[in-house]
N, C-alpha and C. Protein backbone atom coordinates (compact mmCIF):
# COMPACT_ATOMS: atom_id res chain seq x y z
N MET A 1 91.83 96.74 93.44
CA MET A 1 91.59 97.23 95.00
C MET A 1 93.06 96.75 95.47
N ASP A 2 93.17 97.87 96.66
CA ASP A 2 94.22 97.94 97.22
C ASP A 2 93.82 97.35 98.71
N ALA A 3 94.58 96.60 99.10
CA ALA A 3 94.51 95.99 100.46
C ALA A 3 95.62 96.64 101.67
N LEU A 4 95.23 97.67 102.67
CA LEU A 4 96.23 97.98 103.52
C LEU A 4 96.24 96.96 104.65
N THR A 5 97.29 96.42 105.19
CA THR A 5 97.23 95.52 106.18
C THR A 5 98.02 96.10 107.53
N GLY A 6 98.28 95.66 108.40
CA GLY A 6 99.27 96.26 109.50
C GLY A 6 98.17 97.13 110.44
N ALA A 7 97.41 97.78 109.78
CA ALA A 7 96.51 98.77 110.44
C ALA A 7 95.79 98.44 111.51
N ALA A 8 95.46 98.89 112.51
CA ALA A 8 94.59 98.63 113.64
C ALA A 8 93.67 99.76 113.98
N LEU A 9 92.45 99.50 113.94
CA LEU A 9 91.11 100.36 114.59
C LEU A 9 91.41 100.60 115.92
N GLN A 10 91.43 101.74 116.53
CA GLN A 10 91.22 102.29 117.94
C GLN A 10 89.61 102.25 118.21
N SER A 11 89.07 102.05 119.83
CA SER A 11 87.91 102.19 120.14
C SER A 11 87.51 103.65 119.84
N GLY A 12 86.44 103.72 119.33
CA GLY A 12 85.68 105.19 119.49
C GLY A 12 85.85 105.40 117.70
N GLU A 13 86.12 106.87 117.40
CA GLU A 13 85.83 107.43 116.07
C GLU A 13 87.40 106.85 115.73
N ASN A 14 87.19 106.57 114.47
CA ASN A 14 88.35 106.65 113.52
C ASN A 14 88.38 107.30 112.27
N THR A 15 89.08 107.82 111.73
CA THR A 15 89.39 108.73 110.51
C THR A 15 90.08 107.90 109.45
N ILE A 16 89.82 107.76 108.09
CA ILE A 16 90.45 107.33 107.24
C ILE A 16 90.72 108.35 106.48
N LYS A 17 92.10 108.63 106.27
CA LYS A 17 92.45 110.01 105.20
C LYS A 17 92.94 109.42 103.84
N ILE A 18 92.62 109.80 102.73
CA ILE A 18 93.49 109.55 101.34
C ILE A 18 93.99 110.70 100.71
N VAL A 19 95.29 110.47 100.49
CA VAL A 19 95.61 111.88 100.19
C VAL A 19 96.28 111.22 98.76
N ARG A 20 96.37 112.08 97.78
CA ARG A 20 96.78 111.96 96.56
C ARG A 20 98.13 112.73 96.68
N ASP A 21 99.18 111.88 95.60
CA ASP A 21 100.38 112.60 95.65
C ASP A 21 100.55 113.77 94.82
N PRO A 22 101.10 114.69 95.35
CA PRO A 22 100.53 116.25 94.64
C PRO A 22 101.44 116.14 93.09
N GLY A 23 102.50 115.50 93.03
CA GLY A 23 103.47 115.28 92.22
C GLY A 23 103.34 114.37 90.89
N SER A 24 102.04 113.84 90.93
CA SER A 24 101.61 113.02 89.94
C SER A 24 100.40 113.61 89.21
N ASP A 25 100.59 113.31 87.81
CA ASP A 25 99.44 113.93 86.94
C ASP A 25 98.44 112.89 86.56
N ASP A 26 98.48 111.56 87.29
CA ASP A 26 97.36 110.71 87.48
C ASP A 26 95.92 111.42 88.19
N ALA A 27 94.71 111.01 87.58
CA ALA A 27 93.57 111.23 88.16
C ALA A 27 92.76 110.20 88.71
N PHE A 28 92.04 110.27 89.61
CA PHE A 28 91.19 108.73 90.42
C PHE A 28 90.05 109.30 91.13
N ALA A 29 88.84 108.53 91.15
CA ALA A 29 88.13 108.55 92.02
C ALA A 29 87.65 107.47 92.99
N ILE A 30 86.83 107.70 94.15
CA ILE A 30 86.98 106.74 94.87
C ILE A 30 85.41 106.30 95.11
N GLY A 31 85.17 105.10 94.68
CA GLY A 31 83.67 104.87 94.74
C GLY A 31 83.17 104.36 95.64
N THR A 32 84.01 103.63 96.58
CA THR A 32 83.73 102.68 97.63
C THR A 32 84.76 102.09 98.69
N ILE A 33 84.24 102.50 99.73
CA ILE A 33 85.81 101.94 100.97
C ILE A 33 84.98 100.91 101.97
N VAL A 34 85.55 99.88 101.85
CA VAL A 34 85.17 99.01 102.30
C VAL A 34 86.15 98.65 103.77
N LEU A 35 85.66 98.51 104.75
CA LEU A 35 86.36 97.92 106.11
C LEU A 35 85.90 96.67 106.68
N GLN A 36 86.82 96.06 107.01
CA GLN A 36 86.85 94.50 107.28
C GLN A 36 87.28 94.96 109.01
N TRP A 37 86.81 94.06 109.61
CA TRP A 37 87.45 94.21 111.28
C TRP A 37 87.12 92.64 112.09
N GLN A 38 88.07 92.88 112.48
CA GLN A 38 87.54 91.56 113.79
C GLN A 38 87.81 91.80 115.40
N ASP A 39 86.91 92.19 115.94
CA ASP A 39 86.63 92.00 116.97
C ASP A 39 87.41 91.43 118.29
N SER A 40 88.52 92.08 118.77
CA SER A 40 89.68 91.45 119.85
C SER A 40 89.11 90.19 120.65
N THR A 41 87.82 90.85 121.26
CA THR A 41 87.27 89.21 121.90
C THR A 41 86.76 88.26 120.94
N ASP A 42 86.96 88.48 119.39
CA ASP A 42 86.57 87.05 118.51
C ASP A 42 87.44 86.05 118.71
N LYS A 43 89.05 86.20 119.42
CA LYS A 43 89.75 85.44 118.71
C LYS A 43 89.55 84.41 119.83
């Protein structure tokens, strides 16, 4: 699993875009995406 840090979701609709390196000959499948967030009022 890869963890991405330093990203912040904005209020409202957000989009996740997954882009494969076109110069690579690898293959992959995405089975699940898990998002965890903390409401700024929870601090």
